[in-house]
């Protein structure tokens, strides 16, 4: 492999690493936003304007929680509503 091609490859690998690091830093920040007691609620209320219904908002936030932690925070919208009432 030529020196110039090798330098390009190294540059591409660095860009990929930087993208991965950036992605993981954002994921960690998002996970931290759910950690405290009110984190799920803060996410829910901040996203209400982005979806048509409160239930749709809940579903999206609960799915996000699942993607991050491997389990759902709430089993249903009804359970969630009871906690915020």
C-alpha atoms as a PDB file:
ATOM      1  CA  UNK A   1       0.000   0.000   0.000  1.00  0.00           C
ATOM      2  CA  UNK A   2       1.305   3.422  -0.846  1.00  0.00           C
ATOM      3  CA  UNK A   3       2.141   5.895   1.897  1.00  0.00           C
ATOM      4  CA  UNK A   4      -0.535   8.364   0.710  1.00  0.00           C
ATOM      5  CA  UNK A   5      -3.224   5.658   0.683  1.00  0.00           C
ATOM      6  CA  UNK A   6      -2.152   4.539   4.149  1.00  0.00           C
ATOM      7  CA  UNK A   7      -2.417   8.111   5.457  1.00  0.00           C
ATOM      8  CA  UNK A   8      -5.919   8.419   3.980  1.00  0.00           C
ATOM      9  CA  UNK A   9      -6.923   5.148   5.637  1.00  0.00           C
ATOM     10  CA  UNK A  10      -5.567   6.306   8.996  1.00  0.00           C
ATOM     11  CA  UNK A  11      -7.452   9.601   8.574  1.00  0.00           C
ATOM     12  CA  UNK A  12     -10.684   7.753   7.844  1.00  0.00           C
ATOM     13  CA  UNK A  13     -10.181   5.491  10.858  1.00  0.00           C
ATOM     14  CA  UNK A  14      -9.667   8.545  13.064  1.00  0.00           C
ATOM     15  CA  UNK A  15     -12.876  10.109  11.756  1.00  0.00           C
ATOM     16  CA  UNK A  16     -14.766   6.888  12.450  1.00  0.00           C
ATOM     17  CA  UNK A  17     -13.350   6.716  15.995  1.00  0.00           C
ATOM     18  CA  UNK A  18     -14.289  10.345  16.606  1.00  0.00           C
ATOM     19  CA  UNK A  19     -17.824   9.707  15.355  1.00  0.00           C
ATOM     20  CA  UNK A  20     -18.125   6.677  17.625  1.00  0.00           C
ATOM     21  CA  UNK A  21     -16.829   8.635  20.616  1.00  0.00           C
ATOM     22  CA  UNK A  22     -19.226  11.483  19.870  1.00  0.00           C
ATOM     23  CA  UNK A  23     -22.140   9.048  19.564  1.00  0.00           C
ATOM     24  CA  UNK A  24     -21.267   7.354  22.858  1.00  0.00           C
ATOM     25  CA  UNK A  25     -20.845  10.671  24.664  1.00  0.00           C
ATOM     26  CA  UNK A  26     -24.322  11.717  23.522  1.00  0.00           C
ATOM     27  CA  UNK A  27     -25.750   8.346  24.557  1.00  0.00           C
ATOM     28  CA  UNK A  28     -24.153   8.631  27.996  1.00  0.00           C
ATOM     29  CA  UNK A  29     -25.528  12.156  28.426  1.00  0.00           C
ATOM     30  CA  UNK A  30     -28.986  10.908  27.455  1.00  0.00           C
ATOM     31  CA  UNK A  31     -28.714   8.014  29.900  1.00  0.00           C
ATOM     32  CA  UNK A  32     -27.677  10.416  32.661  1.00  0.00           C
ATOM     33  CA  UNK A  33     -30.762  12.521  31.930  1.00  0.00           C
ATOM     34  CA  UNK A  34     -32.895   9.501  32.899  1.00  0.00           C
ATOM     35  CA  UNK A  35     -30.958   8.635  36.062  1.00  0.00           C
ATOM     36  CA  UNK A  36     -32.507  10.957  38.596  1.00  0.00           C
ATOM     37  CA  UNK A  37     -35.976  10.382  39.989  1.00  0.00           C
ATOM     38  CA  UNK A  38     -37.648  12.851  37.643  1.00  0.00           C
ATOM     39  CA  UNK A  39     -35.605  12.118  34.515  1.00  0.00           C
ATOM     40  CA  UNK A  40     -38.305  10.173  32.669  1.00  0.00           C
ATOM     41  CA  UNK A  41     -40.873  12.860  33.411  1.00  0.00           C
ATOM     42  CA  UNK A  42     -38.557  15.618  32.225  1.00  0.00           C
ATOM     43  CA  UNK A  43     -37.981  13.741  28.964  1.00  0.00           C
ATOM     44  CA  UNK A  44     -41.717  13.181  28.576  1.00  0.00           C
ATOM     45  CA  UNK A  45     -42.725  16.800  29.149  1.00  0.00           C
ATOM     46  CA  UNK A  46     -39.928  18.139  26.939  1.00  0.00           C
ATOM     47  CA  UNK A  47     -41.134  15.962  24.048  1.00  0.00           C
ATOM     48  CA  UNK A  48     -44.897  16.546  24.349  1.00  0.00           C
ATOM     49  CA  UNK A  49     -44.811  19.185  21.612  1.00  0.00           C
ATOM     50  CA  UNK A  50     -43.121  16.734  19.207  1.00  0.00           C
ATOM     51  CA  UNK A  51     -45.949  14.180  19.091  1.00  0.00           C
ATOM     52  CA  UNK A  52     -49.680  14.248  18.428  1.00  0.00           C
ATOM     53  CA  UNK A  53     -50.863  12.769  21.713  1.00  0.00           C
ATOM     54  CA  UNK A  54     -49.602  12.317  25.259  1.00  0.00           C
ATOM     55  CA  UNK A  55     -49.797   8.540  24.812  1.00  0.00           C
ATOM     56  CA  UNK A  56     -47.633   8.686  21.678  1.00  0.00           C
ATOM     57  CA  UNK A  57     -45.114  10.827  23.570  1.00  0.00           C
ATOM     58  CA  UNK A  58     -45.092   8.341  26.432  1.00  0.00           C
ATOM     59  CA  UNK A  59     -44.564   5.429  24.036  1.00  0.00           C
ATOM     60  CA  UNK A  60     -41.616   7.137  22.322  1.00  0.00           C
ATOM     61  CA  UNK A  61     -39.937   8.048  25.612  1.00  0.00           C
ATOM     62  CA  UNK A  62     -40.553   4.591  27.058  1.00  0.00           C
ATOM     63  CA  UNK A  63     -39.063   3.026  23.900  1.00  0.00           C
ATOM     64  CA  UNK A  64     -36.048   5.303  24.180  1.00  0.00           C
ATOM     65  CA  UNK A  65     -35.624   4.212  27.782  1.00  0.00           C
ATOM     66  CA  UNK A  66     -35.783   0.590  26.632  1.00  0.00           C
ATOM     67  CA  UNK A  67     -33.142   1.191  23.948  1.00  0.00           C
ATOM     68  CA  UNK A  68     -30.822   2.717  26.521  1.00  0.00           C
ATOM     69  CA  UNK A  69     -31.359   0.398  29.492  1.00  0.00           C
ATOM     70  CA  UNK A  70     -32.839  -2.831  28.088  1.00  0.00           C
ATOM     71  CA  UNK A  71     -36.086  -2.582  30.033  1.00  0.00           C
ATOM     72  CA  UNK A  72     -39.150  -0.368  30.089  1.00  0.00           C
ATOM     73  CA  UNK A  73     -39.511   2.248  32.808  1.00  0.00           C
ATOM     74  CA  UNK A  74     -43.284   1.795  32.869  1.00  0.00           C
ATOM     75  CA  UNK A  75     -45.405  -1.171  31.811  1.00  0.00           C
ATOM     76  CA  UNK A  76     -48.197   0.974  30.405  1.00  0.00           C
ATOM     77  CA  UNK A  77     -49.419   4.511  29.825  1.00  0.00           C
ATOM     78  CA  UNK A  78     -51.988   3.957  32.589  1.00  0.00           C
ATOM     79  CA  UNK A  79     -49.220   3.135  35.089  1.00  0.00           C
ATOM     80  CA  UNK A  80     -47.324   6.252  34.005  1.00  0.00           C
ATOM     81  CA  UNK A  81     -50.424   8.455  34.373  1.00  0.00           C
ATOM     82  CA  UNK A  82     -51.028   7.100  37.871  1.00  0.00           C
ATOM     83  CA  UNK A  83     -47.478   8.042  38.888  1.00  0.00           C
ATOM     84  CA  UNK A  84     -47.802  11.635  37.673  1.00  0.00           C
ATOM     85  CA  UNK A  85     -51.293  12.155  39.110  1.00  0.00           C
END
